Amino acid sequence: MLPFLKYEFLQNAFLTGIMVGLLAPVLGVFIVVRRQALIADALSHITLAGIAANLLLGKWSPFFAAANPIYMGMAFSVGGAIFIEQLRKVYKHYEELAIPIIMSAGIGLSVIFISMADGFNTDLFNYLFGSIIAVKRSDVWTVFAILIVVLLFVFFMYKELFVLSFDEEQGKLSGIRSNWILVAFMAITALVIAASMKIVGILLVSALMTLPVAASIRIAKGFKQAIWLSVLFGEIAVIAGMFLSYYLDLASGGTIVLCLVVILCLSIFYKKFTGSRKVGHL
């Protein structure tokens, strides 16, 4: 019998990994097309600040000590996502500045909160690098709820997201209510990033959003095919990474990312040796 059918913590990790392997690449395609691949890094660092704040408050308050730190991480992440969209409006001609500003703020807050909490502990280490044994049943239901929200949002807003991703100005001129759509998109992206922490870790979560997309656009013949291939590559990497991390006693986050790197290399070599159409354009 597979270990995933015997141990609850592995069942939790497997179910969460499957859902994250679907969520991250789906949103990642739109993020990459919008030239905002680094946004996952920025939001992951602000999420770390939220998790560290919860662990710090847990030293003084029984309420925060009993609460799941990921919820405060999600709150910080959504707040950071909204700030990024607001900063893009402030710096209209330098919109890319919004990402490093929020990333720097997240790193600064994280360092302060961690130092006030007397340094790293096991929980924080698991959030940084991912751990399949740290995933709880409550995390599974949280990710499942996020999955439903994301799929419904993408399904009903697909046309608008497609237009805004390729040409935001044209989308605005065509009458698309871009402000709330982009803010909502950033918010659900923040939730997905926070939800992915237990599996791949804060420092590696951006890889799960960008590497499957980087591999898919090498061989995809259109935007929708890029989405499907990204999801396929993400799921393969998550499943293979969790199996390898269990049997080889390795960190799940690093193992999943290395599986993604292997898939990316294979797609590059495949494209190089088949030598068909021009690379990297959807």
Protein backbone atom coordinates (compact mmCIF):
# COMPACT_ATOMS: atom_id res chain seq x y z
CA MET A 1 0.00 0.00 0.00
CA LEU A 2 1.25 3.48 -0.81
CA PRO A 3 2.37 5.47 2.24
CA PHE A 4 -0.06 8.22 1.17
CA LEU A 5 -2.90 5.84 1.97
CA LYS A 6 -1.58 4.96 5.42
CA TYR A 7 -0.49 8.17 7.13
CA GLU A 8 -2.73 11.18 7.63
CA PHE A 9 0.06 13.75 7.37
CA LEU A 10 1.05 12.35 3.97
CA GLN A 11 -2.56 12.35 2.84
CA ASN A 12 -2.77 16.01 3.86
CA ALA A 13 0.46 16.87 2.04
CA PHE A 14 -0.57 14.97 -1.09
CA LEU A 15 -4.02 16.58 -1.32
CA THR A 16 -2.63 20.04 -0.63
CA GLY A 17 0.18 19.53 -3.12
CA ILE A 18 -2.23 18.46 -5.87
CA MET A 19 -4.35 21.57 -5.34
CA VAL A 20 -1.35 23.91 -5.14
CA GLY A 21 0.12 22.27 -8.25
CA LEU A 22 -3.06 23.34 -10.05
CA LEU A 23 -3.48 26.80 -8.55
CA ALA A 24 0.04 28.20 -8.83
CA PRO A 25 0.62 27.51 -12.57
CA VAL A 26 -2.87 28.73 -13.57
CA LEU A 27 -2.22 32.11 -12.00
CA GLY A 28 1.43 31.98 -12.99
CA VAL A 29 0.60 32.08 -16.70
CA PHE A 30 -1.19 35.42 -16.31
CA ILE A 31 1.58 36.75 -14.05
CA VAL A 32 4.34 35.84 -16.50
CA VAL A 33 2.44 37.35 -19.44
CA ARG A 34 2.04 40.57 -17.43
CA ARG A 35 5.83 40.63 -16.91
CA GLN A 36 5.41 40.38 -13.12
CA ALA A 37 7.23 37.12 -12.44
CA LEU A 38 8.91 38.55 -9.34
CA ILE A 39 5.61 39.37 -7.66
CA ALA A 40 5.50 35.93 -6.04
CA ASP A 41 8.81 36.67 -4.31
CA ALA A 42 7.52 40.00 -3.03
CA LEU A 43 4.29 38.52 -1.68
CA SER A 44 6.05 35.52 -0.18
CA HIS A 45 8.31 37.80 1.83
CA ILE A 46 5.41 39.90 3.10
CA THR A 47 3.67 36.62 3.98
CA LEU A 48 6.72 35.65 6.03
CA ALA A 49 6.31 38.90 7.94
CA GLY A 50 2.73 37.94 8.78
CA ILE A 51 3.71 34.46 9.92
CA ALA A 52 6.56 35.84 12.03
CA ALA A 53 4.19 38.43 13.54
CA ASN A 54 1.76 35.67 14.52
CA LEU A 55 4.53 33.62 16.13
CA LEU A 56 5.70 36.72 18.00
CA LEU A 57 2.20 37.58 19.24
CA GLY A 58 1.78 33.94 20.22
CA LYS A 59 4.40 34.46 22.93
CA TRP A 60 2.14 37.02 24.61
CA SER A 61 -1.39 35.98 23.68
CA PRO A 62 -3.01 32.53 23.99
CA PHE A 63 -5.32 33.44 21.09
CA PHE A 64 -2.46 33.89 18.62
CA ALA A 65 -0.61 30.92 20.11
CA ALA A 66 -3.57 28.69 19.22
CA ALA A 67 -4.20 30.29 15.82
CA ASN A 68 -2.77 28.93 12.58
CA PRO A 69 0.02 31.38 11.55
CA ILE A 70 -0.89 30.96 7.88
CA TYR A 71 -4.05 33.04 8.38
CA MET A 72 -2.13 36.12 9.47
CA GLY A 73 0.32 35.38 6.66
CA MET A 74 -2.60 35.47 4.23
CA ALA A 75 -3.80 38.78 5.66
CA PHE A 76 -0.36 40.33 5.24
CA SER A 77 -0.05 38.86 1.75
CA VAL A 78 -3.41 40.23 0.58
CA GLY A 79 -2.54 43.60 2.09
CA GLY A 80 0.80 43.56 0.27
CA ALA A 81 -0.93 42.67 -3.01
CA ILE A 82 -3.32 45.61 -2.68
CA PHE A 83 -0.42 47.94 -1.89
CA ILE A 84 1.41 46.75 -5.01
CA GLU A 85 -1.56 47.67 -7.18
CA GLN A 86 -1.81 51.08 -5.50
CA LEU A 87 1.92 51.72 -5.94
CA ARG A 88 1.64 50.85 -9.63
CA LYS A 89 -0.77 53.77 -9.93
CA VAL A 90 1.56 56.09 -8.01
CA TYR A 91 4.52 55.17 -10.22
CA LYS A 92 2.68 55.06 -13.54
CA HIS A 93 5.86 55.24 -15.63
CA TYR A 94 7.88 53.00 -13.29
CA GLU A 95 5.32 50.36 -12.30
CA GLU A 96 7.99 47.70 -11.72
CA LEU A 97 9.15 49.65 -8.65
CA ALA A 98 6.07 48.47 -6.73
CA ILE A 99 7.39 44.92 -6.44
CA PRO A 100 10.84 45.63 -4.88
CA ILE A 101 9.25 48.20 -2.54
CA ILE A 102 6.86 45.62 -1.08
CA MET A 103 9.57 42.95 -1.09
CA SER A 104 11.91 45.21 0.86
CA ALA A 105 9.17 46.06 3.35
CA GLY A 106 8.40 42.37 3.80
CA ILE A 107 12.03 41.46 4.41
CA GLY A 108 12.46 44.33 6.86
CA LEU A 109 9.36 43.44 8.86
CA SER A 110 10.29 39.75 8.84
CA VAL A 111 13.76 40.42 10.26
CA ILE A 112 12.33 42.65 13.00
CA PHE A 113 9.59 40.20 14.01
CA ILE A 114 11.93 37.21 13.93
CA SER A 115 14.54 39.00 16.07
CA MET A 116 11.85 40.05 18.57
CA ALA A 117 10.67 36.43 18.71
CA ASP A 118 14.21 35.34 19.67
CA GLY A 119 15.14 33.91 16.30
CA PHE A 120 14.07 30.89 14.27
CA ASN A 121 12.12 27.92 15.54
CA THR A 122 10.97 24.71 13.92
CA ASP A 123 7.65 26.14 12.71
CA LEU A 124 9.31 29.08 11.01
CA PHE A 125 11.91 26.84 9.39
CA ASN A 126 9.11 24.69 7.92
CA TYR A 127 7.48 27.77 6.42
CA LEU A 128 10.77 28.90 4.90
CA PHE A 129 11.65 25.67 3.11
CA GLY A 130 8.48 23.57 3.15
CA SER A 131 7.76 20.35 5.01
CA ILE A 132 5.25 17.64 4.13
CA ILE A 133 4.91 16.66 7.80
CA ALA A 134 3.81 20.20 8.73
CA VAL A 135 0.59 20.13 6.66
CA LYS A 136 -2.53 19.78 8.78
CA ARG A 137 -6.08 18.80 7.84
CA SER A 138 -7.18 22.40 8.40
CA ASP A 139 -4.61 23.46 5.78
CA VAL A 140 -6.20 21.07 3.28
CA TRP A 141 -9.63 22.65 3.73
CA THR A 142 -8.15 26.15 3.56
CA VAL A 143 -6.43 25.40 0.25
CA PHE A 144 -9.58 23.71 -1.06
CA ALA A 145 -11.62 26.84 -0.33
CA ILE A 146 -9.01 28.97 -2.12
CA LEU A 147 -9.07 26.51 -5.04
CA ILE A 148 -12.81 26.99 -5.50
CA VAL A 149 -12.52 30.78 -5.34
CA VAL A 150 -9.63 30.88 -7.83
CA LEU A 151 -11.23 28.53 -10.36
CA LEU A 152 -14.52 30.43 -10.26
CA PHE A 153 -12.73 33.76 -10.66
CA VAL A 154 -10.61 32.57 -13.59
CA PHE A 155 -13.60 30.88 -15.25
CA PHE A 156 -15.85 33.95 -15.14
CA MET A 157 -13.10 36.54 -15.66
CA TYR A 158 -10.99 34.66 -18.21
CA LYS A 159 -11.65 37.01 -21.13
CA GLU A 160 -10.95 40.11 -19.05
CA LEU A 161 -7.79 38.63 -17.52
CA PHE A 162 -6.57 37.58 -20.97
CA VAL A 163 -6.98 41.08 -22.40
CA LEU A 164 -5.54 42.87 -19.35
CA SER A 165 -2.55 40.53 -19.23
CA PHE A 166 -1.51 41.20 -22.81
CA ASP A 167 -2.52 44.87 -23.08
CA GLU A 168 -3.82 46.57 -19.95
CA GLU A 169 -4.30 49.95 -21.61
CA GLN A 170 -6.32 48.44 -24.46
CA GLY A 171 -8.43 46.59 -21.91
CA LYS A 172 -9.25 49.83 -20.13
CA LEU A 173 -10.15 51.54 -23.40
CA SER A 174 -12.48 48.67 -24.31
CA GLY A 175 -14.51 49.25 -21.15
CA ILE A 176 -13.13 46.52 -18.88
CA ARG A 177 -13.33 47.51 -15.21
CA SER A 178 -9.66 46.83 -14.75
CA ASN A 179 -9.17 48.29 -11.27
CA TRP A 180 -11.22 45.84 -9.27
CA ILE A 181 -10.34 42.89 -11.54
CA LEU A 182 -6.60 43.45 -11.09
CA VAL A 183 -6.95 44.01 -7.35
CA ALA A 184 -9.01 40.81 -7.04
CA PHE A 185 -6.47 38.93 -9.14
CA MET A 186 -3.63 40.16 -6.93
CA ALA A 187 -5.58 39.22 -3.81
CA ILE A 188 -6.22 35.63 -4.90
CA THR A 189 -2.60 35.38 -6.04
CA ALA A 190 -1.58 36.40 -2.53
CA LEU A 191 -3.86 33.73 -1.04
CA VAL A 192 -2.38 31.03 -3.29
CA ILE A 193 1.16 32.06 -2.38
CA ALA A 194 0.36 31.93 1.32
CA ALA A 195 -1.40 28.58 0.93
CA SER A 196 1.65 27.10 -0.83
CA MET A 197 4.02 27.80 2.04
CA LYS A 198 3.67 24.50 3.84
CA ILE A 199 4.55 22.51 0.71
CA VAL A 200 7.33 24.42 -1.06
CA GLY A 201 8.25 27.08 1.47
CA ILE A 202 8.36 30.86 1.35
CA LEU A 203 11.76 31.04 -0.33
CA LEU A 204 10.75 28.71 -3.17
CA VAL A 205 7.07 29.42 -3.79
CA SER A 206 7.76 31.71 -6.75
CA ALA A 207 9.33 28.76 -8.57
CA LEU A 208 6.01 26.90 -8.52
CA MET A 209 4.35 29.86 -10.24
CA THR A 210 7.00 30.61 -12.85
CA LEU A 211 8.98 27.47 -13.75
CA PRO A 212 5.99 25.44 -15.08
CA VAL A 213 5.06 28.45 -17.20
CA ALA A 214 8.64 28.89 -18.41
CA ALA A 215 8.62 25.26 -19.52
CA SER A 216 5.18 25.40 -21.14
CA ILE A 217 5.77 28.50 -23.28
CA ARG A 218 8.69 26.71 -24.91
CA ILE A 219 6.38 24.19 -26.53
CA ALA A 220 2.82 25.57 -26.29
CA LYS A 221 1.07 26.68 -29.48
CA GLY A 222 -1.32 29.06 -27.77
CA PHE A 223 -2.31 30.67 -24.49
CA LYS A 224 -4.80 28.03 -23.38
CA GLN A 225 -2.38 25.24 -24.21
CA ALA A 226 0.24 27.03 -22.13
CA ILE A 227 -2.15 26.96 -19.17
CA TRP A 228 -2.84 23.23 -19.53
CA LEU A 229 0.84 22.37 -19.96
CA SER A 230 1.78 24.55 -16.98
CA VAL A 231 -0.71 22.70 -14.79
CA LEU A 232 0.54 19.34 -16.09
CA PHE A 233 4.18 20.22 -15.39
CA GLY A 234 3.28 21.62 -11.97
CA GLU A 235 1.39 18.48 -10.96
CA ILE A 236 4.17 16.18 -12.18
CA ALA A 237 6.75 18.14 -10.22
CA VAL A 238 4.66 18.25 -7.03
CA ILE A 239 3.82 14.54 -7.07
CA ALA A 240 7.36 13.45 -8.00
CA GLY A 241 8.87 15.89 -5.51
CA MET A 242 6.74 14.67 -2.62
CA PHE A 243 7.49 11.02 -3.38
CA LEU A 244 11.22 11.70 -3.59
CA SER A 245 11.25 13.88 -0.49
CA TYR A 246 9.53 11.11 1.49
CA TYR A 247 11.68 8.21 0.33
CA LEU A 248 14.98 10.13 0.27
CA ASP A 249 14.26 12.15 3.44
CA LEU A 250 14.70 15.50 1.67
CA ALA A 251 13.04 18.89 2.06
CA SER A 252 9.84 18.84 0.00
CA GLY A 253 10.21 22.40 -1.27
CA GLY A 254 13.68 21.97 -2.68
CA THR A 255 12.83 18.60 -4.19
CA ILE A 256 9.76 19.94 -5.98
CA VAL A 257 11.70 22.90 -7.35
CA LEU A 258 14.49 20.65 -8.66
CA CYS A 259 11.87 18.52 -10.39
CA LEU A 260 10.58 21.69 -12.03
CA VAL A 261 14.11 22.62 -13.12
CA VAL A 262 14.50 19.17 -14.72
CA ILE A 263 11.18 19.62 -16.56
CA LEU A 264 12.29 23.06 -17.73
CA CYS A 265 15.59 21.71 -19.03
CA LEU A 266 13.79 18.90 -20.87
CA SER A 267 11.44 21.40 -22.51
CA ILE A 268 14.40 23.54 -23.59
CA PHE A 269 16.20 20.56 -25.10
CA TYR A 270 12.98 19.35 -26.72
CA LYS A 271 12.47 22.71 -28.38
CA LYS A 272 16.11 22.93 -29.40
CA PHE A 273 16.16 19.54 -31.10
CA THR A 274 12.71 19.74 -32.69
CA GLY A 275 13.49 23.28 -33.89
CA SER A 276 9.98 24.35 -34.87
CA ARG A 277 8.43 27.79 -34.32
CA LYS A 278 10.00 30.74 -32.55
CA VAL A 279 10.29 30.32 -28.80
CA GLY A 280 8.64 32.21 -25.99
CA HIS A 281 5.65 33.84 -27.72
CA LEU A 282 2.09 32.78 -26.92
